[in-house]
All heavy atoms as atom14 arrays in JSON, in Angstrom:
{
  "sequence": "TDPRVAAYVGDDPRFTAFADQVLALSQLLLPAFREEGK",
  "atom14_mask": [
    [1, 1, 1, 1, 1, 1, 1, 0, 0, 0, 0, 0, 0, 0],
    [1, 1, 1, 1, 1, 1, 1, 1, 0, 0, 0, 0, 0, 0],
    [1, 1, 1, 1, 1, 1, 1, 0, 0, 0, 0, 0, 0, 0],
    [1, 1, 1, 1, 1, 1, 1, 1, 1, 1, 1, 0, 0, 0],
    [1, 1, 1, 1, 1, 1, 1, 0, 0, 0, 0, 0, 0, 0],
    [1, 1, 1, 1, 1, 0, 0, 0, 0, 0, 0, 0, 0, 0],
    [1, 1, 1, 1, 1, 0, 0, 0, 0, 0, 0, 0, 0, 0],
    [1, 1, 1, 1, 1, 1, 1, 1, 1, 1, 1, 1, 0, 0],
    [1, 1, 1, 1, 1, 1, 1, 0, 0, 0, 0, 0, 0, 0],
    [1, 1, 1, 1, 0, 0, 0, 0, 0, 0, 0, 0, 0, 0],
    [1, 1, 1, 1, 1, 1, 1, 1, 0, 0, 0, 0, 0, 0],
    [1, 1, 1, 1, 1, 1, 1, 1, 0, 0, 0, 0, 0, 0],
    [1, 1, 1, 1, 1, 1, 1, 0, 0, 0, 0, 0, 0, 0],
    [1, 1, 1, 1, 1, 1, 1, 1, 1, 1, 1, 0, 0, 0],
    [1, 1, 1, 1, 1, 1, 1, 1, 1, 1, 1, 0, 0, 0],
    [1, 1, 1, 1, 1, 1, 1, 0, 0, 0, 0, 0, 0, 0],
    [1, 1, 1, 1, 1, 0, 0, 0, 0, 0, 0, 0, 0, 0],
    [1, 1, 1, 1, 1, 1, 1, 1, 1, 1, 1, 0, 0, 0],
    [1, 1, 1, 1, 1, 0, 0, 0, 0, 0, 0, 0, 0, 0],
    [1, 1, 1, 1, 1, 1, 1, 1, 0, 0, 0, 0, 0, 0],
    [1, 1, 1, 1, 1, 1, 1, 1, 1, 0, 0, 0, 0, 0],
    [1, 1, 1, 1, 1, 1, 1, 0, 0, 0, 0, 0, 0, 0],
    [1, 1, 1, 1, 1, 1, 1, 1, 0, 0, 0, 0, 0, 0],
    [1, 1, 1, 1, 1, 0, 0, 0, 0, 0, 0, 0, 0, 0],
    [1, 1, 1, 1, 1, 1, 1, 1, 0, 0, 0, 0, 0, 0],
    [1, 1, 1, 1, 1, 1, 0, 0, 0, 0, 0, 0, 0, 0],
    [1, 1, 1, 1, 1, 1, 1, 1, 1, 0, 0, 0, 0, 0],
    [1, 1, 1, 1, 1, 1, 1, 1, 0, 0, 0, 0, 0, 0],
    [1, 1, 1, 1, 1, 1, 1, 1, 0, 0, 0, 0, 0, 0],
    [1, 1, 1, 1, 1, 1, 1, 1, 0, 0, 0, 0, 0, 0],
    [1, 1, 1, 1, 1, 1, 1, 0, 0, 0, 0, 0, 0, 0],
    [1, 1, 1, 1, 1, 0, 0, 0, 0, 0, 0, 0, 0, 0],
    [1, 1, 1, 1, 1, 1, 1, 1, 1, 1, 1, 0, 0, 0],
    [1, 1, 1, 1, 1, 1, 1, 1, 1, 1, 1, 0, 0, 0],
    [1, 1, 1, 1, 1, 1, 1, 1, 1, 0, 0, 0, 0, 0],
    [1, 1, 1, 1, 1, 1, 1, 1, 1, 0, 0, 0, 0, 0],
    [1, 1, 1, 1, 0, 0, 0, 0, 0, 0, 0, 0, 0, 0],
    [1, 1, 1, 1, 1, 1, 1, 1, 1, 0, 0, 0, 0, 0]
  ],
  "atom14_positions": [
    [[38.33, 211.58, 168.53], [38.62, 210.44, 167.65], [39.36, 209.34, 168.39], [39.5, 208.23, 167.87], [39.47, 210.88, 166.44], [40.75, 211.36, 166.88], [38.77, 211.98, 165.65], [0.0, 0.0, 0.0], [0.0, 0.0, 0.0], [0.0, 0.0, 0.0], [0.0, 0.0, 0.0], [0.0, 0.0, 0.0], [0.0, 0.0, 0.0], [0.0, 0.0, 0.0]],
    [[39.82, 209.63, 169.59], [40.52, 208.65, 170.42], [39.48, 207.73, 171.06], [38.51, 208.2, 171.67], [41.32, 209.38, 171.52], [42.24, 208.47, 172.3], [41.78, 207.39, 172.71], [43.4, 208.85, 172.51], [0.0, 0.0, 0.0], [0.0, 0.0, 0.0], [0.0, 0.0, 0.0], [0.0, 0.0, 0.0], [0.0, 0.0, 0.0], [0.0, 0.0, 0.0]],
    [[39.64, 206.39, 170.95], [38.66, 205.46, 171.53], [38.44, 205.67, 173.02], [37.35, 205.45, 173.55], [39.26, 204.09, 171.24], [40.13, 204.3, 170.05], [40.69, 205.68, 170.2], [0.0, 0.0, 0.0], [0.0, 0.0, 0.0], [0.0, 0.0, 0.0], [0.0, 0.0, 0.0], [0.0, 0.0, 0.0], [0.0, 0.0, 0.0], [0.0, 0.0, 0.0]],
    [[39.48, 206.12, 173.74], [39.33, 206.35, 175.17], [38.37, 207.51, 175.45], [37.55, 207.45, 176.36], [40.69, 206.64, 175.81], [41.72, 205.52, 175.7], [43.07, 206.0, 176.22], [43.52, 207.16, 175.47], [44.32, 208.11, 175.96], [44.73, 208.05, 177.22], [44.7, 209.13, 175.19], [0.0, 0.0, 0.0], [0.0, 0.0, 0.0], [0.0, 0.0, 0.0]],
    [[38.5, 208.57, 174.65], [37.6, 209.72, 174.79], [36.18, 209.32, 174.41], [35.21, 209.67, 175.09], [38.09, 210.9, 173.93], [37.07, 212.03, 173.95], [39.44, 211.4, 174.43], [0.0, 0.0, 0.0], [0.0, 0.0, 0.0], [0.0, 0.0, 0.0], [0.0, 0.0, 0.0], [0.0, 0.0, 0.0], [0.0, 0.0, 0.0], [0.0, 0.0, 0.0]],
    [[36.05, 208.58, 173.29], [34.73, 208.15, 172.85], [34.05, 207.3, 173.91], [32.85, 207.44, 174.17], [34.85, 207.38, 171.54], [0.0, 0.0, 0.0], [0.0, 0.0, 0.0], [0.0, 0.0, 0.0], [0.0, 0.0, 0.0], [0.0, 0.0, 0.0], [0.0, 0.0, 0.0], [0.0, 0.0, 0.0], [0.0, 0.0, 0.0], [0.0, 0.0, 0.0]],
    [[34.83, 206.43, 174.57], [34.27, 205.58, 175.62], [33.86, 206.41, 176.83], [32.81, 206.16, 177.44], [35.28, 204.52, 176.02], [0.0, 0.0, 0.0], [0.0, 0.0, 0.0], [0.0, 0.0, 0.0], [0.0, 0.0, 0.0], [0.0, 0.0, 0.0], [0.0, 0.0, 0.0], [0.0, 0.0, 0.0], [0.0, 0.0, 0.0], [0.0, 0.0, 0.0]],
    [[34.67, 207.41, 177.17], [34.37, 208.27, 178.32], [33.06, 209.04, 178.07], [32.17, 209.08, 178.94], [35.54, 209.24, 178.53], [35.4, 210.15, 179.72], [35.97, 209.81, 180.95], [34.72, 211.36, 179.62], [35.85, 210.66, 182.05], [34.59, 212.21, 180.71], [35.17, 211.85, 181.93], [35.05, 212.69, 183.01], [0.0, 0.0, 0.0], [0.0, 0.0, 0.0]],
    [[32.94, 209.64, 176.89], [31.72, 210.38, 176.55], [30.53, 209.42, 176.47], [29.43, 209.73, 176.94], [31.9, 211.15, 175.23], [30.6, 211.87, 174.84], [33.04, 212.16, 175.34], [0.0, 0.0, 0.0], [0.0, 0.0, 0.0], [0.0, 0.0, 0.0], [0.0, 0.0, 0.0], [0.0, 0.0, 0.0], [0.0, 0.0, 0.0], [0.0, 0.0, 0.0]],
    [[30.78, 208.25, 175.89], [29.7, 207.27, 175.72], [29.19, 206.71, 177.03], [28.06, 206.19, 177.07], [0.0, 0.0, 0.0], [0.0, 0.0, 0.0], [0.0, 0.0, 0.0], [0.0, 0.0, 0.0], [0.0, 0.0, 0.0], [0.0, 0.0, 0.0], [0.0, 0.0, 0.0], [0.0, 0.0, 0.0], [0.0, 0.0, 0.0], [0.0, 0.0, 0.0]],
    [[29.96, 206.8, 178.08], [29.52, 206.3, 179.38], [28.52, 207.23, 180.06], [27.91, 206.84, 181.07], [30.74, 206.1, 180.3], [31.51, 204.83, 179.98], [30.92, 203.95, 179.3], [32.68, 204.71, 180.39], [0.0, 0.0, 0.0], [0.0, 0.0, 0.0], [0.0, 0.0, 0.0], [0.0, 0.0, 0.0], [0.0, 0.0, 0.0], [0.0, 0.0, 0.0]],
    [[28.36, 208.42, 179.56], [27.34, 209.31, 180.1], [25.97, 208.65, 179.87], [25.65, 208.26, 178.74], [27.39, 210.67, 179.39], [26.48, 211.7, 180.04], [25.27, 211.42, 180.2], [26.98, 212.79, 180.38], [0.0, 0.0, 0.0], [0.0, 0.0, 0.0], [0.0, 0.0, 0.0], [0.0, 0.0, 0.0], [0.0, 0.0, 0.0], [0.0, 0.0, 0.0]],
    [[25.16, 208.48, 180.9], [23.88, 207.77, 180.74], [22.93, 208.44, 179.75], [21.97, 207.8, 179.29], [23.3, 207.77, 182.16], [24.02, 208.85, 182.89], [25.39, 208.92, 182.29], [0.0, 0.0, 0.0], [0.0, 0.0, 0.0], [0.0, 0.0, 0.0], [0.0, 0.0, 0.0], [0.0, 0.0, 0.0], [0.0, 0.0, 0.0], [0.0, 0.0, 0.0]],
    [[23.17, 209.7, 179.41], [22.29, 210.38, 178.45], [22.8, 210.29, 177.02], [22.11, 210.68, 176.08], [22.16, 211.86, 178.84], [21.53, 212.09, 180.2], [21.84, 213.46, 180.74], [23.28, 213.61, 181.01], [23.82, 214.65, 181.66], [23.04, 215.6, 182.13], [25.13, 214.73, 181.84], [0.0, 0.0, 0.0], [0.0, 0.0, 0.0], [0.0, 0.0, 0.0]],
    [[24.0, 209.74, 176.84], [24.62, 209.75, 175.51], [23.84, 208.94, 174.49], [23.52, 209.43, 173.4], [26.06, 209.21, 175.61], [26.75, 209.1, 174.27], [27.42, 210.18, 173.72], [26.71, 207.91, 173.55], [28.05, 210.09, 172.49], [27.33, 207.81, 172.31], [28.0, 208.9, 171.79], [0.0, 0.0, 0.0], [0.0, 0.0, 0.0], [0.0, 0.0, 0.0]],
    [[23.54, 207.7, 174.81], [22.9, 206.81, 173.82], [21.55, 207.33, 173.39], [21.22, 207.35, 172.19], [22.77, 205.39, 174.39], [24.08, 204.87, 174.69], [22.08, 204.46, 173.4], [0.0, 0.0, 0.0], [0.0, 0.0, 0.0], [0.0, 0.0, 0.0], [0.0, 0.0, 0.0], [0.0, 0.0, 0.0], [0.0, 0.0, 0.0], [0.0, 0.0, 0.0]],
    [[20.75, 207.78, 174.35], [19.43, 208.31, 173.99], [19.55, 209.53, 173.1], [18.81, 209.69, 172.12], [18.64, 208.64, 175.26], [0.0, 0.0, 0.0], [0.0, 0.0, 0.0], [0.0, 0.0, 0.0], [0.0, 0.0, 0.0], [0.0, 0.0, 0.0], [0.0, 0.0, 0.0], [0.0, 0.0, 0.0], [0.0, 0.0, 0.0], [0.0, 0.0, 0.0]],
    [[20.51, 210.4, 173.43], [20.7, 211.61, 172.62], [21.14, 211.25, 171.21], [20.58, 211.74, 170.22], [21.74, 212.51, 173.3], [22.1, 213.73, 172.51], [21.17, 214.72, 172.24], [23.4, 213.9, 172.02], [21.51, 215.85, 171.52], [23.74, 215.02, 171.3], [22.81, 216.01, 171.05], [0.0, 0.0, 0.0], [0.0, 0.0, 0.0], [0.0, 0.0, 0.0]],
    [[22.15, 210.39, 171.1], [22.66, 210.0, 169.78], [21.58, 209.31, 168.95], [21.46, 209.55, 167.74], [23.88, 209.08, 169.93], [0.0, 0.0, 0.0], [0.0, 0.0, 0.0], [0.0, 0.0, 0.0], [0.0, 0.0, 0.0], [0.0, 0.0, 0.0], [0.0, 0.0, 0.0], [0.0, 0.0, 0.0], [0.0, 0.0, 0.0], [0.0, 0.0, 0.0]],
    [[20.79, 208.46, 169.58], [19.72, 207.76, 168.85], [18.63, 208.72, 168.38], [18.09, 208.58, 167.28], [19.11, 206.67, 169.73], [20.04, 205.49, 169.94], [21.05, 205.4, 169.21], [19.75, 204.67, 170.83], [0.0, 0.0, 0.0], [0.0, 0.0, 0.0], [0.0, 0.0, 0.0], [0.0, 0.0, 0.0], [0.0, 0.0, 0.0], [0.0, 0.0, 0.0]],
    [[18.3, 209.71, 169.23], [17.28, 210.69, 168.85], [17.76, 211.55, 167.68], [16.98, 211.86, 166.76], [16.94, 211.58, 170.05], [16.2, 210.86, 171.17], [14.72, 210.65, 170.84], [14.21, 211.13, 169.85], [14.04, 209.91, 171.71], [0.0, 0.0, 0.0], [0.0, 0.0, 0.0], [0.0, 0.0, 0.0], [0.0, 0.0, 0.0], [0.0, 0.0, 0.0]],
    [[19.02, 211.96, 167.69], [19.56, 212.75, 166.59], [19.57, 211.93, 165.31], [19.23, 212.43, 164.22], [20.97, 213.26, 166.93], [21.6, 213.94, 165.71], [20.92, 214.24, 168.1], [0.0, 0.0, 0.0], [0.0, 0.0, 0.0], [0.0, 0.0, 0.0], [0.0, 0.0, 0.0], [0.0, 0.0, 0.0], [0.0, 0.0, 0.0], [0.0, 0.0, 0.0]],
    [[19.93, 210.65, 165.42], [19.91, 209.79, 164.24], [18.5, 209.64, 163.7], [18.28, 209.71, 162.48], [20.5, 208.42, 164.58], [20.51, 207.41, 163.43], [21.42, 207.9, 162.29], [20.96, 206.04, 163.91], [0.0, 0.0, 0.0], [0.0, 0.0, 0.0], [0.0, 0.0, 0.0], [0.0, 0.0, 0.0], [0.0, 0.0, 0.0], [0.0, 0.0, 0.0]],
    [[17.54, 209.42, 164.59], [16.15, 209.27, 164.15], [15.66, 210.53, 163.46], [14.95, 210.47, 162.45], [15.26, 208.92, 165.34], [0.0, 0.0, 0.0], [0.0, 0.0, 0.0], [0.0, 0.0, 0.0], [0.0, 0.0, 0.0], [0.0, 0.0, 0.0], [0.0, 0.0, 0.0], [0.0, 0.0, 0.0], [0.0, 0.0, 0.0], [0.0, 0.0, 0.0]],
    [[16.04, 211.7, 164.0], [15.63, 212.96, 163.38], [16.27, 213.09, 161.99], [15.6, 213.5, 161.03], [16.05, 214.12, 164.26], [15.67, 215.52, 163.77], [14.16, 215.66, 163.66], [16.25, 216.59, 164.69], [0.0, 0.0, 0.0], [0.0, 0.0, 0.0], [0.0, 0.0, 0.0], [0.0, 0.0, 0.0], [0.0, 0.0, 0.0], [0.0, 0.0, 0.0]],
    [[17.52, 212.74, 161.87], [18.19, 212.8, 160.57], [17.54, 211.85, 159.58], [17.35, 212.2, 158.4], [19.68, 212.47, 160.73], [20.34, 213.42, 161.54], [0.0, 0.0, 0.0], [0.0, 0.0, 0.0], [0.0, 0.0, 0.0], [0.0, 0.0, 0.0], [0.0, 0.0, 0.0], [0.0, 0.0, 0.0], [0.0, 0.0, 0.0], [0.0, 0.0, 0.0]],
    [[17.22, 210.65, 160.03], [16.59, 209.67, 159.15], [15.22, 210.14, 158.68], [14.77, 209.77, 157.59], [16.48, 208.33, 159.86], [17.83, 207.64, 160.07], [17.73, 206.44, 160.99], [16.85, 206.37, 161.87], [18.63, 205.48, 160.82], [0.0, 0.0, 0.0], [0.0, 0.0, 0.0], [0.0, 0.0, 0.0], [0.0, 0.0, 0.0], [0.0, 0.0, 0.0]],
    [[14.55, 210.95, 159.5], [13.26, 211.5, 159.1], [13.44, 212.65, 158.11], [12.7, 212.74, 157.11], [12.52, 212.01, 160.34], [11.23, 212.81, 160.1], [10.15, 211.91, 159.49], [10.74, 213.45, 161.39], [0.0, 0.0, 0.0], [0.0, 0.0, 0.0], [0.0, 0.0, 0.0], [0.0, 0.0, 0.0], [0.0, 0.0, 0.0], [0.0, 0.0, 0.0]],
    [[14.41, 213.54, 158.38], [14.51, 214.78, 157.62], [15.29, 214.65, 156.32], [14.96, 215.33, 155.33], [15.16, 215.86, 158.49], [14.35, 216.3, 159.71], [15.1, 217.4, 160.47], [12.98, 216.82, 159.3], [0.0, 0.0, 0.0], [0.0, 0.0, 0.0], [0.0, 0.0, 0.0], [0.0, 0.0, 0.0], [0.0, 0.0, 0.0], [0.0, 0.0, 0.0]],
    [[16.34, 213.83, 156.29], [17.17, 213.78, 155.09], [16.4, 213.37, 153.84], [16.55, 214.0, 152.78], [18.38, 212.86, 155.33], [19.4, 213.36, 156.36], [20.58, 212.4, 156.45], [19.89, 214.76, 156.0], [0.0, 0.0, 0.0], [0.0, 0.0, 0.0], [0.0, 0.0, 0.0], [0.0, 0.0, 0.0], [0.0, 0.0, 0.0], [0.0, 0.0, 0.0]],
    [[15.56, 212.32, 153.91], [14.77, 212.0, 152.7], [13.84, 213.14, 152.3], [13.63, 213.38, 151.11], [13.98, 210.76, 153.12], [14.77, 210.15, 154.23], [15.36, 211.31, 154.97], [0.0, 0.0, 0.0], [0.0, 0.0, 0.0], [0.0, 0.0, 0.0], [0.0, 0.0, 0.0], [0.0, 0.0, 0.0], [0.0, 0.0, 0.0], [0.0, 0.0, 0.0]],
    [[13.3, 213.85, 153.3], [12.4, 214.96, 152.98], [13.17, 216.1, 152.32], [12.68, 216.72, 151.36], [11.72, 215.46, 154.26], [0.0, 0.0, 0.0], [0.0, 0.0, 0.0], [0.0, 0.0, 0.0], [0.0, 0.0, 0.0], [0.0, 0.0, 0.0], [0.0, 0.0, 0.0], [0.0, 0.0, 0.0], [0.0, 0.0, 0.0], [0.0, 0.0, 0.0]],
    [[14.38, 216.4, 152.81], [15.2, 217.43, 152.18], [15.55, 217.03, 150.75], [15.57, 217.87, 149.84], [16.49, 217.65, 152.99], [16.31, 218.48, 154.23], [16.83, 218.05, 155.44], [15.63, 219.68, 154.19], [16.68, 218.82, 156.58], [15.47, 220.45, 155.33], [16.0, 220.01, 156.53], [0.0, 0.0, 0.0], [0.0, 0.0, 0.0], [0.0, 0.0, 0.0]],
    [[15.87, 215.75, 150.56], [16.2, 215.28, 149.21], [15.02, 215.44, 148.26], [15.16, 215.89, 147.13], [16.65, 213.82, 149.26], [17.04, 213.23, 147.9], [17.6, 211.84, 148.07], [16.61, 210.96, 148.68], [16.88, 209.73, 149.11], [18.11, 209.25, 149.01], [15.94, 208.98, 149.64], [0.0, 0.0, 0.0], [0.0, 0.0, 0.0], [0.0, 0.0, 0.0]],
    [[13.82, 215.08, 148.74], [12.63, 215.22, 147.9], [12.33, 216.69, 147.62], [11.78, 217.03, 146.56], [11.43, 214.57, 148.59], [11.5, 213.04, 148.62], [11.61, 212.46, 147.23], [10.85, 212.89, 146.33], [12.47, 211.58, 147.01], [0.0, 0.0, 0.0], [0.0, 0.0, 0.0], [0.0, 0.0, 0.0], [0.0, 0.0, 0.0], [0.0, 0.0, 0.0]],
    [[12.68, 217.55, 148.55], [12.45, 218.99, 148.37], [13.39, 219.58, 147.32], [13.16, 220.65, 146.79], [12.63, 219.71, 149.71], [12.37, 221.21, 149.68], [10.91, 221.55, 149.42], [10.06, 220.63, 149.49], [10.62, 222.72, 149.14], [0.0, 0.0, 0.0], [0.0, 0.0, 0.0], [0.0, 0.0, 0.0], [0.0, 0.0, 0.0], [0.0, 0.0, 0.0]],
    [[14.46, 218.83, 147.0], [15.38, 219.29, 145.97], [16.71, 219.79, 146.48], [17.55, 220.24, 145.69], [0.0, 0.0, 0.0], [0.0, 0.0, 0.0], [0.0, 0.0, 0.0], [0.0, 0.0, 0.0], [0.0, 0.0, 0.0], [0.0, 0.0, 0.0], [0.0, 0.0, 0.0], [0.0, 0.0, 0.0], [0.0, 0.0, 0.0], [0.0, 0.0, 0.0]],
    [[16.96, 219.72, 147.81], [18.25, 220.16, 148.33], [19.32, 219.16, 147.92], [19.07, 217.95, 147.88], [18.22, 220.31, 149.85], [17.4, 221.5, 150.33], [17.45, 221.65, 151.83], [18.8, 222.12, 152.32], [19.09, 223.53, 151.93], [0.0, 0.0, 0.0], [0.0, 0.0, 0.0], [0.0, 0.0, 0.0], [0.0, 0.0, 0.0], [0.0, 0.0, 0.0]]
  ]
}
């Protein structure tokens, strides 16, 4: 939760791609889970 730690982790060249892919997966699945009744 410390901005310094977040910046350190965020500087990893794989961080942004990973975070964006997880977000895209969530954006795909959450509406489907909601429609399924969860």
